[in-house]
């Protein structure tokens, strides 16, 4: 295993996930506020599942998104 290549590809993947996830969350919240489905002061439980079939990894991360 090439440690440097592994670390670079992992960081690139995690950056893509982080940026993409943030954009998707922001758009969903903005739309829900615009449609009057939420007020913008709520907190929501959040869950992300990471799966890598080749190494049989399947792990969930739980958290909270607070709007205020």
N, C-alpha and C. Protein backbone atom coordinates (compact mmCIF):
# COMPACT_ATOMS: atom_id res chain seq x y z
N UNK A 1 0.86 -1.19 0.00
CA UNK A 1 0.00 0.00 0.00
C UNK A 1 0.90 1.23 0.00
N UNK A 2 0.53 2.18 -0.84
CA UNK A 2 1.23 3.46 -0.90
C UNK A 2 0.52 4.41 0.08
N UNK A 3 1.15 4.61 1.22
CA UNK A 3 0.56 5.40 2.31
C UNK A 3 0.20 6.82 1.87
N UNK A 4 1.06 7.45 1.10
CA UNK A 4 0.81 8.83 0.66
C UNK A 4 -0.40 8.89 -0.28
N UNK A 5 -0.46 7.99 -1.23
CA UNK A 5 -1.59 7.95 -2.16
C UNK A 5 -2.89 7.67 -1.42
N UNK A 6 -2.84 6.73 -0.49
CA UNK A 6 -4.01 6.38 0.32
C UNK A 6 -4.51 7.59 1.09
N UNK A 7 -3.61 8.28 1.78
CA UNK A 7 -4.01 9.44 2.58
C UNK A 7 -4.55 10.57 1.71
N UNK A 8 -3.92 10.81 0.56
CA UNK A 8 -4.40 11.87 -0.33
C UNK A 8 -5.79 11.55 -0.88
N UNK A 9 -6.00 10.32 -1.31
CA UNK A 9 -7.31 9.97 -1.85
C UNK A 9 -8.38 10.00 -0.78
N UNK A 10 -8.03 9.59 0.44
CA UNK A 10 -8.99 9.62 1.54
C UNK A 10 -9.37 11.07 1.87
N UNK A 11 -8.39 11.96 1.94
CA UNK A 11 -8.68 13.36 2.24
C UNK A 11 -9.53 14.00 1.13
N UNK A 12 -9.23 13.65 -0.13
CA UNK A 12 -10.01 14.18 -1.24
C UNK A 12 -11.47 13.71 -1.15
N UNK A 13 -11.66 12.44 -0.86
CA UNK A 13 -13.01 11.89 -0.71
C UNK A 13 -13.75 12.58 0.43
N UNK A 14 -13.11 12.72 1.58
CA UNK A 14 -13.76 13.34 2.74
C UNK A 14 -14.09 14.81 2.49
N UNK A 15 -13.22 15.51 1.76
CA UNK A 15 -13.51 16.91 1.42
C UNK A 15 -14.73 16.99 0.51
N UNK A 16 -14.79 16.10 -0.49
CA UNK A 16 -15.93 16.06 -1.40
C UNK A 16 -17.22 15.78 -0.63
N UNK A 17 -17.17 14.82 0.28
CA UNK A 17 -18.35 14.49 1.10
C UNK A 17 -18.75 15.68 1.96
N UNK A 18 -17.77 16.32 2.59
CA UNK A 18 -18.06 17.44 3.48
C UNK A 18 -18.69 18.62 2.74
N UNK A 19 -18.08 19.01 1.63
CA UNK A 19 -18.59 20.16 0.86
C UNK A 19 -19.95 19.83 0.24
N UNK A 20 -20.06 18.65 -0.34
CA UNK A 20 -21.33 18.25 -0.96
C UNK A 20 -22.45 18.15 0.05
N UNK A 21 -22.15 17.58 1.20
CA UNK A 21 -23.16 17.44 2.26
C UNK A 21 -23.61 18.80 2.77
N UNK A 22 -22.66 19.70 2.99
CA UNK A 22 -23.02 21.03 3.48
C UNK A 22 -23.92 21.75 2.49
N UNK A 23 -23.58 21.69 1.21
CA UNK A 23 -24.41 22.34 0.19
C UNK A 23 -25.82 21.75 0.16
N UNK A 24 -25.92 20.43 0.23
CA UNK A 24 -27.24 19.78 0.19
C UNK A 24 -28.07 20.16 1.40
N UNK A 25 -27.46 20.20 2.58
CA UNK A 25 -28.17 20.57 3.80
C UNK A 25 -28.65 22.02 3.71
N UNK A 26 -27.77 22.91 3.29
CA UNK A 26 -28.15 24.33 3.19
C UNK A 26 -29.33 24.52 2.24
N UNK A 27 -29.29 23.87 1.08
CA UNK A 27 -30.38 24.00 0.11
C UNK A 27 -31.69 23.43 0.66
N UNK A 28 -31.62 22.30 1.34
CA UNK A 28 -32.82 21.68 1.90
C UNK A 28 -33.44 22.56 2.98
N UNK A 29 -32.59 23.15 3.82
CA UNK A 29 -33.10 24.02 4.89
C UNK A 29 -33.71 25.29 4.29
N UNK A 30 -33.01 25.90 3.33
CA UNK A 30 -33.54 27.11 2.70
C UNK A 30 -34.88 26.85 2.03
N UNK A 31 -35.02 25.72 1.35
CA UNK A 31 -36.27 25.37 0.70
C UNK A 31 -37.38 25.14 1.72
N UNK A 32 -37.07 24.43 2.80
CA UNK A 32 -38.08 24.16 3.83
C UNK A 32 -38.55 25.45 4.50
N UNK A 33 -37.63 26.38 4.71
CA UNK A 33 -38.02 27.68 5.29
C UNK A 33 -38.89 28.45 4.30
N UNK A 34 -38.47 28.49 3.03
CA UNK A 34 -39.22 29.22 2.00
C UNK A 34 -40.63 28.66 1.82
N UNK A 35 -40.77 27.35 1.97
CA UNK A 35 -42.08 26.71 1.81
C UNK A 35 -42.90 26.74 3.10
N UNK A 36 -42.32 27.28 4.17
CA UNK A 36 -43.04 27.40 5.43
C UNK A 36 -43.15 26.09 6.22
N UNK A 37 -42.38 25.08 5.84
CA UNK A 37 -42.44 23.79 6.55
C UNK A 37 -41.68 23.83 7.87
N UNK A 38 -40.71 24.74 7.97
CA UNK A 38 -39.97 24.94 9.23
C UNK A 38 -39.81 26.44 9.44
N UNK A 39 -39.52 26.83 10.68
CA UNK A 39 -39.40 28.26 10.98
C UNK A 39 -37.97 28.76 10.93
N UNK A 40 -37.01 27.85 11.03
CA UNK A 40 -35.60 28.26 11.03
C UNK A 40 -34.99 28.31 12.41
N UNK A 41 -35.73 27.83 13.41
CA UNK A 41 -35.20 27.80 14.78
C UNK A 41 -35.07 26.37 15.31
N UNK A 42 -35.36 25.39 14.48
CA UNK A 42 -35.40 24.00 14.91
C UNK A 42 -33.99 23.39 15.01
N UNK A 43 -33.98 22.21 15.59
CA UNK A 43 -32.82 21.33 15.58
C UNK A 43 -33.28 19.99 15.01
N UNK A 44 -32.43 19.36 14.24
CA UNK A 44 -32.79 18.09 13.62
C UNK A 44 -31.71 17.05 13.88
N UNK A 45 -32.12 15.83 14.22
CA UNK A 45 -31.14 14.75 14.29
C UNK A 45 -30.65 14.46 12.88
N UNK A 46 -29.39 14.11 12.76
CA UNK A 46 -28.81 13.81 11.45
C UNK A 46 -28.00 12.52 11.55
N UNK A 47 -27.95 11.81 10.44
CA UNK A 47 -27.23 10.55 10.41
C UNK A 47 -26.56 10.39 9.06
N UNK A 48 -25.31 9.97 9.06
CA UNK A 48 -24.56 9.68 7.84
C UNK A 48 -24.04 8.26 7.94
N UNK A 49 -24.17 7.51 6.87
CA UNK A 49 -23.64 6.16 6.83
C UNK A 49 -22.52 6.09 5.81
N UNK A 50 -21.39 5.58 6.23
CA UNK A 50 -20.23 5.41 5.35
C UNK A 50 -20.10 3.93 5.03
N UNK A 51 -20.05 3.63 3.74
CA UNK A 51 -19.95 2.24 3.32
C UNK A 51 -18.84 2.09 2.30
N UNK A 52 -17.94 1.15 2.55
CA UNK A 52 -16.90 0.80 1.60
C UNK A 52 -16.97 -0.71 1.46
N UNK A 53 -17.58 -1.16 0.38
CA UNK A 53 -17.85 -2.59 0.21
C UNK A 53 -16.58 -3.43 0.18
N UNK A 54 -15.53 -2.93 -0.46
CA UNK A 54 -14.32 -3.72 -0.63
C UNK A 54 -13.63 -4.13 0.66
N UNK A 55 -13.84 -3.34 1.73
CA UNK A 55 -13.23 -3.69 3.03
C UNK A 55 -14.31 -4.00 4.07
N UNK A 56 -15.54 -4.15 3.58
CA UNK A 56 -16.67 -4.50 4.44
C UNK A 56 -16.85 -3.52 5.60
N UNK A 57 -16.77 -2.22 5.25
CA UNK A 57 -16.99 -1.17 6.25
C UNK A 57 -18.39 -0.62 6.06
N UNK A 58 -19.13 -0.54 7.13
CA UNK A 58 -20.45 0.07 7.14
C UNK A 58 -20.64 0.64 8.54
N UNK A 59 -20.52 1.96 8.63
CA UNK A 59 -20.57 2.61 9.94
C UNK A 59 -21.45 3.86 9.85
N UNK A 60 -22.22 4.09 10.89
CA UNK A 60 -23.12 5.26 10.93
C UNK A 60 -22.58 6.28 11.93
N UNK A 61 -22.75 7.53 11.57
CA UNK A 61 -22.38 8.64 12.45
C UNK A 61 -23.64 9.45 12.72
N UNK A 62 -23.92 9.71 13.97
CA UNK A 62 -25.11 10.47 14.36
C UNK A 62 -24.70 11.83 14.89
N UNK A 63 -25.56 12.79 14.66
CA UNK A 63 -25.30 14.14 15.15
C UNK A 63 -26.57 14.96 15.16
N UNK A 64 -26.38 16.26 15.21
CA UNK A 64 -27.52 17.17 15.26
C UNK A 64 -27.20 18.40 14.43
N UNK A 65 -28.19 18.86 13.67
CA UNK A 65 -28.08 20.12 12.92
C UNK A 65 -29.00 21.11 13.63
N UNK A 66 -28.40 22.18 14.16
CA UNK A 66 -29.16 23.22 14.86
C UNK A 66 -29.23 24.46 13.99
N UNK A 67 -30.42 24.98 13.80
CA UNK A 67 -30.60 26.16 12.97
C UNK A 67 -30.46 27.45 13.75
N UNK A 68 -30.48 27.34 15.06
CA UNK A 68 -30.33 28.55 15.86
C UNK A 68 -29.53 28.24 17.09
